[in-house]
Amino acid sequence: MITGELKNRIDSLWEIFWTGGLTNPLEVIEQMTYLMFIHDLDAADTLHAKESAMLGLPFESIFAEEVQIGSQTVDGTQLKWSVFHDFPAAKMYSVMQEWVFPFIKNLHGDKESAYSKYMGDAIFKVPTPLMLDKIVTAMDGIYEQMAKLSDTDARGDVYEYLLSKLSTAGVNGQFRTPRHIIRMMVDMMQPKADDYTCDPSCGTSGFLVAVSDFMKENRKAEVFFNKENRDHYMNHMFTGFDMDRTMLRIGAMNMMTHGVENPLIEYRDSLSDQNPDRERYTLILANPPFKGSLDAETVSTDLLKVCKTKKTELLFLALFVKMLRIGGRCACIVPDGVLFGSSTAHKAIRQEIIERQRLEAVISMPSGVFKPYAGVSTAVLIFTKTNHGGTDKVWFYDMRADGFSLDDKRSPIQENDIPDIIARFGNLEGEEGRKRTEQSFLVPKDEIVENGYDLSINKYKQTEYKPVEYPPTGEIMAELRELDRKIGIEMGELERLLGV
């Protein structure tokens, strides 16, 4: 969450849109997203130029000296935010409307790319030069404030706060997966340079961006100094689906801003026959919708064969199994009900993952993780597709703190189990012998089967009761009499003072 000065600046920017006549929250976020992308495109281009110079690699700026826009040839430097933000209002408006916006709409040469498809119908809706000037000035202030918060995921927090505007306005009701939870899941999965990564409910592409960042931090030489791996990273590694065109635009622009040239971000109902992807991906990371509207008639029949239900959280689990290649891995967030629900469908999907695939871990998270947008208790499931079983022991972890308070404010605190979770998951052999009274432990598959495939950690953990010794009854009664005597003395003194 964002607070203080940054929150005030974003509220002020929102007010500029509102008073200027753009009152639909969806339209406001679209326009903000375009402008953030234009700003970030300039910053990313400058950063990539510096990195290439340091590494001695060739670099071609997208803001070349001459840029073709329609039938015009213009000076590419004038399309940079850092240049046009100093122009007078009228000139800035004409440059934005006539050059910059057409430039970003046609930025990707491949007309079949997701970016081109979802930017193709984008419209610049800021009505006046004065309003644009106010917006650009306000956004410069926001970016200055974000730069002061460089130790935090300020950009992700800004997106979260913008999405909260949608939720509070009653439009689409989207909420963002906290970035530290996403990063925990990515760090646990340790993505590889040849992975094909998918998020079938990608939203703003948070999981895909986190995988991209992980590659830069941990696989830099392997990915960027190898021509084949670099091409894979830029064009094939990342796939995301969503049914909200605004989220798709944000997601595509978010990925491109983070240096992925051609992410496959597509409009698709993942649960329907529109989604033919089967046994295609090696890594799935997702936080699928728990309570989404569902047209039961459009649900793919092969998913219903796994578990016949209308519950999206169960159908998405079945989908993940179908979309993974043999040996592919999945880390996904599910509501607690998936772990212990007693319906036939609940038991069927748990049985599928435990008996036919290899379930590795269940991390139970506290209910405050998604506050203030949702208070539901959730868990992270991690499994590998085998189609031949392989579940031996399942690792359970009881997360009690994630580095933030579990109330609506979500203020930073010192208690944080995430580093411990990542370290222990990376060394499951070391978990052997840990007692059920501890925060993490292993449970044999046979015991889980005996419990009807129940994956609730409360079913298996043991509470250690420590005996409490109280003083003898006579001693307690003597203390009570002494207290009563002192009260009597004090009451007498009070009556004397009051003249009663």
Protein backbone atom coordinates (compact mmCIF):
# COMPACT_ATOMS: atom_id res chain seq x y z
CA MET A 1 0.00 0.00 0.00
CA ILE A 2 1.02 3.59 -0.51
CA THR A 3 0.56 6.30 2.07
CA GLY A 4 1.57 9.86 2.77
CA GLU A 5 2.88 12.17 0.08
CA LEU A 6 2.74 9.66 -2.80
CA LYS A 7 -0.90 8.83 -2.06
CA ASN A 8 -1.77 12.53 -1.90
CA ARG A 9 -0.08 13.18 -5.25
CA ILE A 10 -1.96 10.35 -6.96
CA ASP A 11 -5.24 11.58 -5.45
CA SER A 12 -4.45 15.06 -6.79
CA LEU A 13 -3.76 13.61 -10.26
CA TRP A 14 -7.05 11.69 -10.08
CA GLU A 15 -8.78 14.95 -9.17
CA ILE A 16 -7.32 16.65 -12.29
CA PHE A 17 -8.90 13.96 -14.47
CA TRP A 18 -12.15 14.12 -12.54
CA THR A 19 -12.57 17.89 -12.72
CA GLY A 20 -11.51 17.83 -16.38
CA GLY A 21 -14.51 15.70 -17.30
CA LEU A 22 -13.09 12.14 -17.20
CA THR A 23 -15.21 10.59 -14.44
CA ASN A 24 -15.24 6.91 -15.46
CA PRO A 25 -12.56 5.25 -13.25
CA LEU A 26 -11.78 2.74 -16.02
CA GLU A 27 -11.06 5.55 -18.49
CA VAL A 28 -8.97 7.44 -15.95
CA ILE A 29 -6.80 4.38 -15.27
CA GLU A 30 -6.45 3.73 -19.01
CA GLN A 31 -5.22 7.28 -19.63
CA MET A 32 -2.90 7.16 -16.60
CA THR A 33 -1.52 3.85 -17.85
CA TYR A 34 -0.76 5.25 -21.31
CA LEU A 35 1.01 8.25 -19.80
CA MET A 36 2.97 6.09 -17.32
CA PHE A 37 4.03 3.88 -20.20
CA ILE A 38 5.18 6.88 -22.24
CA HIS A 39 7.21 8.11 -19.25
CA ASP A 40 8.63 4.66 -18.50
CA LEU A 41 9.48 4.05 -22.15
CA ASP A 42 11.82 7.03 -22.04
CA ALA A 43 13.36 5.94 -18.71
CA ALA A 44 13.75 2.32 -19.87
CA ASP A 45 15.35 3.38 -23.16
CA THR A 46 17.87 5.54 -21.29
CA LEU A 47 18.63 2.71 -18.83
CA HIS A 48 19.08 0.13 -21.61
CA ALA A 49 21.44 2.55 -23.40
CA LYS A 50 23.57 2.85 -20.24
CA GLU A 51 23.56 -0.93 -19.64
CA SER A 52 24.58 -1.63 -23.23
CA ALA A 53 27.41 0.91 -22.98
CA MET A 54 28.65 -0.73 -19.77
CA LEU A 55 28.50 -4.22 -21.30
CA GLY A 56 29.94 -3.09 -24.63
CA LEU A 57 26.84 -4.26 -26.50
CA PRO A 58 25.28 -2.52 -29.52
CA PHE A 59 22.15 -0.52 -28.78
CA GLU A 60 19.56 1.10 -31.02
CA SER A 61 17.22 3.56 -29.31
CA ILE A 62 13.54 3.39 -30.18
CA PHE A 63 13.71 7.18 -30.24
CA ALA A 64 15.94 7.22 -33.32
CA GLU A 65 16.95 10.51 -34.90
CA GLU A 66 14.18 10.06 -37.45
CA VAL A 67 10.91 8.29 -36.67
CA GLN A 68 8.25 7.59 -39.28
CA ILE A 69 4.72 8.42 -38.05
CA GLY A 70 2.18 7.94 -40.80
CA SER A 71 3.39 9.98 -43.77
CA GLN A 72 5.52 12.23 -41.55
CA THR A 73 9.16 11.88 -40.54
CA VAL A 74 9.76 13.48 -37.13
CA ASP A 75 12.67 14.01 -34.76
CA GLY A 76 12.51 11.00 -32.43
CA THR A 77 13.92 12.91 -29.47
CA GLN A 78 10.75 15.04 -29.35
CA LEU A 79 8.79 11.89 -28.47
CA LYS A 80 10.72 11.47 -25.22
CA TRP A 81 8.91 12.47 -22.04
CA SER A 82 12.06 14.13 -20.73
CA VAL A 83 11.98 16.45 -23.77
CA PHE A 84 8.32 17.27 -24.47
CA HIS A 85 7.38 17.79 -20.79
CA ASP A 86 9.16 21.17 -21.03
CA PHE A 87 7.17 22.29 -24.09
CA PRO A 88 4.43 24.97 -23.79
CA ALA A 89 0.99 23.45 -23.17
CA ALA A 90 -0.30 23.87 -26.72
CA LYS A 91 2.82 22.40 -28.35
CA MET A 92 2.96 19.54 -25.83
CA TYR A 93 -0.67 18.69 -26.59
CA SER A 94 -0.14 18.64 -30.36
CA VAL A 95 3.06 16.56 -30.01
CA MET A 96 1.24 14.07 -27.74
CA GLN A 97 -1.86 13.85 -29.91
CA GLU A 98 -0.25 13.84 -33.36
CA TRP A 99 3.08 12.11 -32.74
CA VAL A 100 3.59 10.44 -29.35
CA PHE A 101 0.28 8.57 -29.12
CA PRO A 102 0.37 7.25 -32.72
CA PHE A 103 4.00 6.29 -32.03
CA ILE A 104 3.22 4.10 -29.00
CA LYS A 105 0.15 2.59 -30.72
CA ASN A 106 2.36 1.39 -33.56
CA LEU A 107 5.48 0.80 -31.49
CA HIS A 108 5.49 -2.94 -32.12
CA GLY A 109 6.10 -3.74 -35.78
CA ASP A 110 4.28 -7.08 -35.59
CA LYS A 111 0.61 -6.28 -36.18
CA GLU A 112 -0.34 -9.68 -34.74
CA SER A 113 1.42 -9.06 -31.44
CA ALA A 114 -0.65 -8.73 -28.28
CA TYR A 115 0.65 -5.21 -27.79
CA SER A 116 -0.52 -4.11 -31.25
CA LYS A 117 -3.90 -5.79 -30.83
CA TYR A 118 -4.70 -4.14 -27.52
CA MET A 119 -3.22 -0.76 -28.32
CA GLY A 120 -4.92 -0.67 -31.72
CA ASP A 121 -8.18 0.68 -30.31
CA ALA A 122 -6.59 2.88 -27.63
CA ILE A 123 -7.82 6.48 -27.67
CA PHE A 124 -6.14 9.58 -26.24
CA LYS A 125 -8.96 11.22 -24.25
CA VAL A 126 -7.32 14.17 -22.44
CA PRO A 127 -9.54 17.00 -23.76
CA THR A 128 -7.43 20.17 -23.45
CA PRO A 129 -3.78 21.33 -23.54
CA LEU A 130 -4.09 22.93 -20.09
CA MET A 131 -5.35 19.66 -18.57
CA LEU A 132 -2.48 17.71 -20.19
CA ASP A 133 0.03 20.23 -18.85
CA LYS A 134 -1.38 19.80 -15.33
CA ILE A 135 -1.32 15.99 -15.68
CA VAL A 136 2.29 15.88 -16.91
CA THR A 137 3.43 18.21 -14.11
CA ALA A 138 1.57 16.10 -11.53
CA MET A 139 3.08 12.88 -12.90
CA ASP A 140 6.59 14.36 -12.75
CA GLY A 141 5.93 14.99 -9.06
CA ILE A 142 4.71 11.41 -8.58
CA TYR A 143 7.84 9.98 -10.21
CA GLU A 144 10.05 12.24 -8.07
CA GLN A 145 8.28 10.88 -4.99
CA MET A 146 8.60 7.30 -6.25
CA ALA A 147 12.35 7.80 -6.73
CA LYS A 148 12.63 8.64 -3.03
CA LEU A 149 11.05 5.27 -2.25
CA SER A 150 13.56 3.29 -4.30
CA ASP A 151 13.83 0.60 -1.62
CA THR A 152 10.19 -0.35 -2.15
CA ASP A 153 8.13 -1.57 -5.09
CA ALA A 154 6.68 1.91 -5.61
CA ARG A 155 5.52 1.26 -9.15
CA GLY A 156 3.66 -1.89 -8.12
CA ASP A 157 2.14 -0.01 -5.21
CA VAL A 158 0.94 2.72 -7.57
CA TYR A 159 -0.77 0.09 -9.72
CA GLU A 160 -2.34 -1.43 -6.62
CA TYR A 161 -3.67 1.93 -5.52
CA LEU A 162 -5.07 2.65 -9.00
CA LEU A 163 -6.77 -0.76 -9.02
CA SER A 164 -8.24 0.02 -5.62
CA LYS A 165 -9.98 2.96 -7.28
CA LEU A 166 -11.68 0.44 -9.57
CA SER A 167 -12.73 -1.72 -6.63
CA THR A 168 -14.11 1.16 -4.58
CA ALA A 169 -15.93 2.43 -7.64
CA GLY A 170 -17.58 -0.96 -8.07
CA VAL A 171 -16.04 -1.53 -11.50
CA ASN A 172 -14.54 -4.96 -12.22
CA GLY A 173 -13.54 -5.47 -8.55
CA GLN A 174 -9.93 -6.36 -9.31
CA PHE A 175 -7.27 -6.48 -6.64
CA ARG A 176 -3.57 -6.98 -6.89
CA THR A 177 -1.51 -9.84 -5.53
CA PRO A 178 1.03 -8.26 -3.14
CA ARG A 179 4.41 -8.11 -4.86
CA HIS A 180 6.31 -9.64 -1.96
CA ILE A 181 4.02 -12.71 -2.12
CA ILE A 182 4.56 -12.95 -5.88
CA ARG A 183 8.32 -12.69 -5.41
CA MET A 184 8.25 -15.35 -2.69
CA MET A 185 6.53 -17.76 -5.10
CA VAL A 186 8.97 -16.94 -7.92
CA ASP A 187 11.98 -17.40 -5.63
CA MET A 188 10.63 -20.76 -4.51
CA MET A 189 10.15 -21.94 -8.10
CA GLN A 190 13.59 -20.72 -9.30
CA PRO A 191 12.63 -20.16 -12.99
CA LYS A 192 15.09 -21.38 -15.62
CA ALA A 193 16.29 -19.75 -18.83
CA ASP A 194 14.38 -22.24 -21.01
CA ASP A 195 11.08 -22.10 -19.12
CA TYR A 196 7.79 -21.36 -20.85
CA THR A 197 5.96 -19.37 -18.18
CA CYS A 198 2.22 -18.74 -18.15
CA ASP A 199 -0.30 -16.92 -15.96
CA PRO A 200 -3.81 -17.79 -17.23
CA SER A 201 -5.35 -14.91 -15.21
CA CYS A 202 -2.54 -12.41 -15.57
CA GLY A 203 -4.16 -9.04 -14.77
CA THR A 204 -1.33 -6.50 -14.81
CA SER A 205 1.24 -9.29 -15.44
CA GLY A 206 2.68 -9.15 -11.91
CA PHE A 207 3.89 -12.77 -11.90
CA LEU A 208 5.41 -12.48 -15.37
CA VAL A 209 7.22 -9.25 -14.48
CA ALA A 210 8.59 -10.92 -11.33
CA VAL A 211 9.95 -13.84 -13.39
CA SER A 212 11.53 -11.32 -15.78
CA ASP A 213 13.17 -9.54 -12.82
CA PHE A 214 14.37 -12.88 -11.41
CA MET A 215 16.06 -13.65 -14.75
CA LYS A 216 17.86 -10.29 -14.76
CA GLU A 217 19.05 -10.75 -11.20
CA ASN A 218 19.95 -14.45 -11.22
CA ARG A 219 20.33 -15.64 -14.83
CA LYS A 220 21.73 -12.53 -16.51
CA ALA A 221 24.73 -14.07 -18.27
CA GLU A 222 22.81 -17.24 -19.17
CA VAL A 223 19.89 -15.34 -20.70
CA PHE A 224 21.33 -12.15 -22.18
CA PHE A 225 24.75 -13.36 -23.39
CA ASN A 226 23.24 -16.32 -25.23
CA LYS A 227 21.52 -15.46 -28.51
CA GLU A 228 19.05 -18.35 -28.39
CA ASN A 229 18.10 -17.77 -24.75
CA ARG A 230 17.75 -14.03 -25.31
CA ASP A 231 15.38 -14.60 -28.23
CA HIS A 232 13.39 -17.02 -26.08
CA TYR A 233 13.22 -14.43 -23.26
CA MET A 234 12.06 -11.65 -25.58
CA ASN A 235 9.54 -13.59 -27.67
CA HIS A 236 8.46 -16.94 -26.19
CA MET A 237 9.08 -17.18 -22.43
CA PHE A 238 6.07 -15.18 -21.18
CA THR A 239 2.37 -15.86 -21.83
CA GLY A 240 -0.60 -14.32 -20.07
CA PHE A 241 -4.37 -14.45 -20.53
CA ASP A 242 -7.09 -12.18 -19.19
CA MET A 243 -10.68 -11.19 -20.03
CA ASP A 244 -10.30 -7.49 -19.20
CA ARG A 245 -8.92 -5.40 -22.07
CA THR A 246 -7.75 -2.66 -19.71
CA MET A 247 -5.75 -5.18 -17.71
CA LEU A 248 -4.34 -6.58 -20.95
CA ARG A 249 -3.14 -3.14 -22.01
CA ILE A 250 -1.58 -2.53 -18.60
CA GLY A 251 -0.06 -6.02 -18.63
CA ALA A 252 1.43 -5.71 -22.13
CA MET A 253 2.85 -2.25 -21.42
CA ASN A 254 4.15 -3.38 -18.03
CA MET A 255 6.07 -6.26 -19.63
CA MET A 256 7.50 -4.08 -22.41
CA THR A 257 8.56 -1.44 -19.91
CA HIS A 258 10.44 -4.18 -18.04
CA GLY A 259 12.39 -5.01 -21.20
CA VAL A 260 10.39 -7.93 -22.68
CA GLU A 261 9.95 -6.99 -26.32
CA ASN A 262 7.12 -9.33 -27.34
CA PRO A 263 5.14 -10.81 -24.42
CA LEU A 264 2.24 -13.02 -25.46
CA ILE A 265 -0.54 -11.25 -23.55
CA GLU A 266 -3.87 -12.35 -25.01
CA TYR A 267 -7.61 -11.87 -24.52
CA ARG A 268 -8.87 -15.32 -23.64
CA ASP A 269 -11.36 -17.04 -21.39
CA SER A 270 -8.90 -19.52 -19.95
CA LEU A 271 -11.54 -21.97 -18.73
CA SER A 272 -13.41 -22.21 -22.03
CA ASP A 273 -12.80 -23.94 -25.33
CA GLN A 274 -11.21 -20.63 -26.45
CA ASN A 275 -8.12 -21.90 -24.64
CA PRO A 276 -6.68 -24.88 -26.55
CA ASP A 277 -3.30 -24.78 -24.75
CA ARG A 278 -2.57 -28.23 -23.36
CA GLU A 279 0.78 -29.61 -22.16
CA ARG A 280 2.51 -26.46 -23.38
CA TYR A 281 4.08 -24.70 -20.38
CA THR A 282 6.88 -25.64 -18.01
CA LEU A 283 5.96 -23.12 -15.30
CA ILE A 284 2.61 -21.70 -14.20
CA LEU A 285 2.38 -18.96 -11.59
CA ALA A 286 -1.08 -17.62 -10.82
CA ASN A 287 -3.60 -16.16 -8.44
CA PRO A 288 -6.81 -17.12 -10.26
CA PRO A 289 -10.17 -15.47 -9.47
CA PHE A 290 -11.89 -17.09 -6.49
CA LYS A 291 -15.38 -15.80 -7.18
CA GLY A 292 -15.76 -15.00 -10.85
CA SER A 293 -18.86 -15.12 -13.01
CA LEU A 294 -18.91 -18.34 -14.96
CA ASP A 295 -20.94 -19.48 -17.95
CA ALA A 296 -21.09 -23.19 -17.22
CA GLU A 297 -21.91 -24.00 -20.85
CA THR A 298 -18.60 -22.57 -22.10
CA VAL A 299 -16.34 -24.46 -19.66
CA SER A 300 -14.02 -26.83 -21.48
CA THR A 301 -15.30 -30.41 -21.17
CA ASP A 302 -11.89 -31.86 -20.32
CA LEU A 303 -11.81 -29.69 -17.19
CA LEU A 304 -15.25 -30.87 -16.10
CA LYS A 305 -14.03 -34.45 -16.41
CA VAL A 306 -11.47 -33.71 -13.69
CA CYS A 307 -13.96 -32.00 -11.37
CA LYS A 308 -17.57 -31.25 -12.29
CA THR A 309 -18.21 -27.86 -10.68
CA LYS A 310 -18.96 -24.19 -11.29
CA LYS A 311 -16.33 -23.04 -8.78
CA THR A 312 -13.64 -21.17 -10.70
CA GLU A 313 -10.90 -21.86 -8.12
CA LEU A 314 -11.30 -25.63 -8.66
CA LEU A 315 -11.58 -25.40 -12.44
CA PHE A 316 -8.42 -23.30 -12.61
CA LEU A 317 -6.50 -25.98 -10.70
CA ALA A 318 -7.70 -28.55 -13.23
CA LEU A 319 -6.67 -26.16 -16.00
CA PHE A 320 -3.15 -25.74 -14.60
CA VAL A 321 -2.68 -29.52 -14.66
CA LYS A 322 -3.86 -29.67 -18.28
CA MET A 323 -1.71 -26.74 -19.46
CA LEU A 324 1.54 -28.01 -17.96
CA ARG A 325 3.97 -30.27 -19.77
CA ILE A 326 5.09 -33.45 -18.06
CA GLY A 327 7.65 -32.23 -15.52
CA GLY A 328 6.14 -28.75 -15.50
CA ARG A 329 5.73 -26.97 -12.18
CA CYS A 330 2.95 -24.83 -10.71
CA ALA A 331 2.74 -22.42 -7.78
CA CYS A 332 -0.71 -20.95 -7.32
CA ILE A 333 -2.76 -19.17 -4.68
CA VAL A 334 -6.02 -20.79 -3.61
CA PRO A 335 -8.65 -19.92 -0.99
CA ASP A 336 -8.53 -22.08 2.12
CA GLY A 337 -11.76 -23.82 1.15
CA VAL A 338 -9.92 -25.64 -1.63
CA LEU A 339 -7.76 -27.35 1.01
CA PHE A 340 -10.56 -28.89 3.05
CA GLY A 341 -13.85 -28.50 1.11
CA SER A 342 -15.93 -31.65 1.41
CA SER A 343 -17.80 -31.56 -1.92
CA THR A 344 -17.14 -34.22 -4.54
CA ALA A 345 -15.42 -31.63 -6.77
CA HIS A 346 -13.14 -30.41 -3.96
CA LYS A 347 -12.04 -33.95 -3.16
CA ALA A 348 -11.63 -34.83 -6.84
CA ILE A 349 -9.17 -32.03 -7.63
CA ARG A 350 -7.13 -32.71 -4.46
CA GLN A 351 -7.05 -36.41 -5.31
CA GLU A 352 -5.92 -35.59 -8.86
CA ILE A 353 -2.99 -33.48 -7.64
CA ILE A 354 -1.95 -35.91 -4.88
CA GLU A 355 -2.45 -39.24 -6.67
CA ARG A 356 -1.70 -38.48 -10.35
CA GLN A 357 0.71 -35.55 -9.91
CA ARG A 358 3.37 -34.75 -7.29
CA LEU A 359 2.17 -32.33 -4.62
CA GLU A 360 5.17 -30.76 -2.93
CA ALA A 361 4.07 -27.96 -0.60
CA VAL A 362 1.15 -26.20 1.05
CA ILE A 363 1.96 -22.78 2.54
CA SER A 364 -0.95 -21.47 4.61
CA MET A 365 -1.06 -17.67 4.66
CA PRO A 366 -2.80 -15.45 7.23
CA SER A 367 -6.12 -13.86 6.26
CA GLY A 368 -4.71 -10.32 6.27
CA VAL A 369 -2.38 -10.84 3.31
CA PHE A 370 -4.89 -9.41 0.79
CA LYS A 371 -6.26 -6.64 2.97
CA PRO A 372 -7.72 -4.08 2.56
CA TYR A 373 -9.29 -5.54 -0.62
CA ALA A 374 -10.16 -9.00 0.68
CA GLY A 375 -9.99 -10.78 4.01
CA VAL A 376 -10.12 -14.38 2.78
CA SER A 377 -7.61 -16.89 4.11
CA THR A 378 -5.43 -18.31 1.37
CA ALA A 379 -2.65 -20.79 0.72
CA VAL A 380 0.03 -21.42 -1.89
CA LEU A 381 -0.01 -24.85 -3.55
CA ILE A 382 3.12 -26.10 -5.29
CA PHE A 383 3.03 -29.21 -7.46
CA THR A 384 4.74 -30.86 -10.43
CA LYS A 385 2.87 -32.55 -13.28
CA THR A 386 3.83 -36.19 -13.75
CA ASN A 387 0.55 -37.94 -14.70
CA HIS A 388 2.00 -40.94 -12.82
CA GLY A 389 1.89 -39.76 -9.22
CA GLY A 390 5.00 -39.27 -7.16
CA THR A 391 3.63 -37.57 -4.07
CA ASP A 392 5.62 -38.98 -1.15
CA LYS A 393 5.62 -36.38 1.60
CA VAL A 394 3.95 -32.97 1.52
CA TRP A 395 5.64 -30.00 3.15
CA PHE A 396 3.36 -27.76 5.22
CA TYR A 397 4.29 -24.28 6.45
CA ASP A 398 2.20 -22.11 8.74
CA MET A 399 3.00 -18.53 7.67
CA ARG A 400 2.16 -16.19 10.55
CA ALA A 401 3.74 -12.94 9.32
CA ASP A 402 4.70 -11.57 5.90
CA GLY A 403 6.52 -8.39 6.95
CA PHE A 404 3.37 -6.26 7.19
CA SER A 405 0.63 -5.79 9.75
CA LEU A 406 -2.42 -7.91 9.03
CA ASP A 407 -4.92 -5.07 9.36
CA ASP A 408 -6.24 -2.74 6.65
CA LYS A 409 -3.23 -0.42 7.02
CA ARG A 410 -0.65 -3.15 6.18
CA SER A 411 2.16 -1.22 7.84
CA PRO A 412 5.71 -2.68 7.67
CA ILE A 413 6.73 -4.81 10.68
CA GLN A 414 9.84 -6.79 11.58
CA GLU A 415 8.19 -10.22 11.78
CA ASN A 416 8.50 -11.92 8.39
CA ASP A 417 8.40 -15.65 7.63
CA ILE A 418 9.07 -15.31 3.88
CA PRO A 419 12.90 -15.66 3.98
CA ASP A 420 12.48 -18.75 6.19
CA ILE A 421 9.90 -20.22 3.78
CA ILE A 422 12.18 -19.79 0.77
CA ALA A 423 15.21 -21.20 2.59
CA ARG A 424 13.37 -24.25 3.98
CA PHE A 425 11.65 -25.07 0.69
CA GLY A 426 15.07 -25.08 -0.96
CA ASN A 427 16.24 -27.74 1.52
CA LEU A 428 13.31 -30.07 2.17
CA GLU A 429 15.69 -32.85 3.20
CA GLY A 430 16.46 -30.74 6.25
CA GLU A 431 12.78 -30.77 7.22
CA GLU A 432 12.85 -34.48 7.99
CA GLY A 433 12.31 -35.06 11.67
CA ARG A 434 10.72 -31.70 12.43
CA LYS A 435 7.89 -32.04 14.93
CA ARG A 436 4.26 -31.22 14.17
CA THR A 437 4.41 -28.54 16.86
CA GLU A 438 6.87 -26.53 14.77
CA GLN A 439 6.03 -23.98 12.07
CA SER A 440 6.88 -26.33 9.20
CA PHE A 441 6.88 -30.10 8.86
CA LEU A 442 6.46 -32.99 6.42
CA VAL A 443 3.35 -35.18 6.26
CA PRO A 444 3.39 -38.62 4.57
CA LYS A 445 1.01 -39.06 1.64
CA ASP A 446 -0.66 -42.08 3.27
CA GLU A 447 -1.77 -39.95 6.22
CA ILE A 448 -3.25 -37.33 3.87
CA VAL A 449 -5.14 -40.05 1.97
CA GLU A 450 -6.50 -41.44 5.26
CA ASN A 451 -7.84 -37.94 6.02
CA GLY A 452 -9.83 -37.75 2.78
CA TYR A 453 -7.12 -35.75 0.98
CA ASP A 454 -7.58 -32.90 3.47
CA LEU A 455 -4.76 -30.35 3.03
CA SER A 456 -5.62 -28.03 5.91
CA ILE A 457 -2.55 -27.55 8.08
CA ASN A 458 -4.74 -27.64 11.20
CA LYS A 459 -5.49 -31.29 10.41
CA TYR A 460 -1.87 -32.24 10.95
CA LYS A 461 -0.16 -29.74 13.24
CA GLN A 462 -0.07 -30.38 16.96
CA THR A 463 -0.47 -27.74 19.62
CA GLU A 464 1.96 -27.90 22.49
CA TYR A 465 0.23 -27.15 25.76
CA LYS A 466 2.40 -25.82 28.53
CA PRO A 467 1.12 -26.42 32.08
CA VAL A 468 0.43 -23.25 34.05
CA GLU A 469 0.85 -23.44 37.83
CA TYR A 470 -1.32 -21.25 40.02
CA PRO A 471 -0.73 -20.41 43.73
CA PRO A 472 -2.69 -22.37 46.38
CA THR A 473 -6.34 -21.40 46.88
CA GLY A 474 -5.69 -20.21 50.43
CA GLU A 475 -2.98 -17.81 49.20
CA ILE A 476 -5.32 -16.37 46.53
CA MET A 477 -8.11 -15.88 49.12
CA ALA A 478 -5.69 -14.11 51.49
CA GLU A 479 -4.72 -11.70 48.70
CA LEU A 480 -8.40 -11.00 47.97
CA ARG A 481 -9.10 -10.27 51.64
CA GLU A 482 -6.11 -7.89 51.76
CA LEU A 483 -7.38 -6.09 48.65
CA ASP A 484 -10.86 -5.85 50.17
CA ARG A 485 -9.39 -4.38 53.39
CA LYS A 486 -7.45 -1.73 51.44
CA ILE A 487 -10.55 -0.82 49.42
CA GLY A 488 -12.50 -0.38 52.68
CA ILE A 489 -9.85 2.01 54.04
CA GLU A 490 -9.80 4.03 50.79
CA MET A 491 -13.61 4.21 50.68
CA GLY A 492 -13.65 5.48 54.30
CA GLU A 493 -11.11 8.18 53.45
CA LEU A 494 -13.18 9.22 50.41
CA GLU A 495 -16.35 9.51 52.52
CA ARG A 496 -14.48 11.67 55.06
CA LEU A 497 -13.29 14.01 52.35
CA LEU A 498 -16.78 14.30 50.89
CA GLY A 499 -18.31 14.86 54.33
CA VAL A 500 -20.71 11.99 53.85
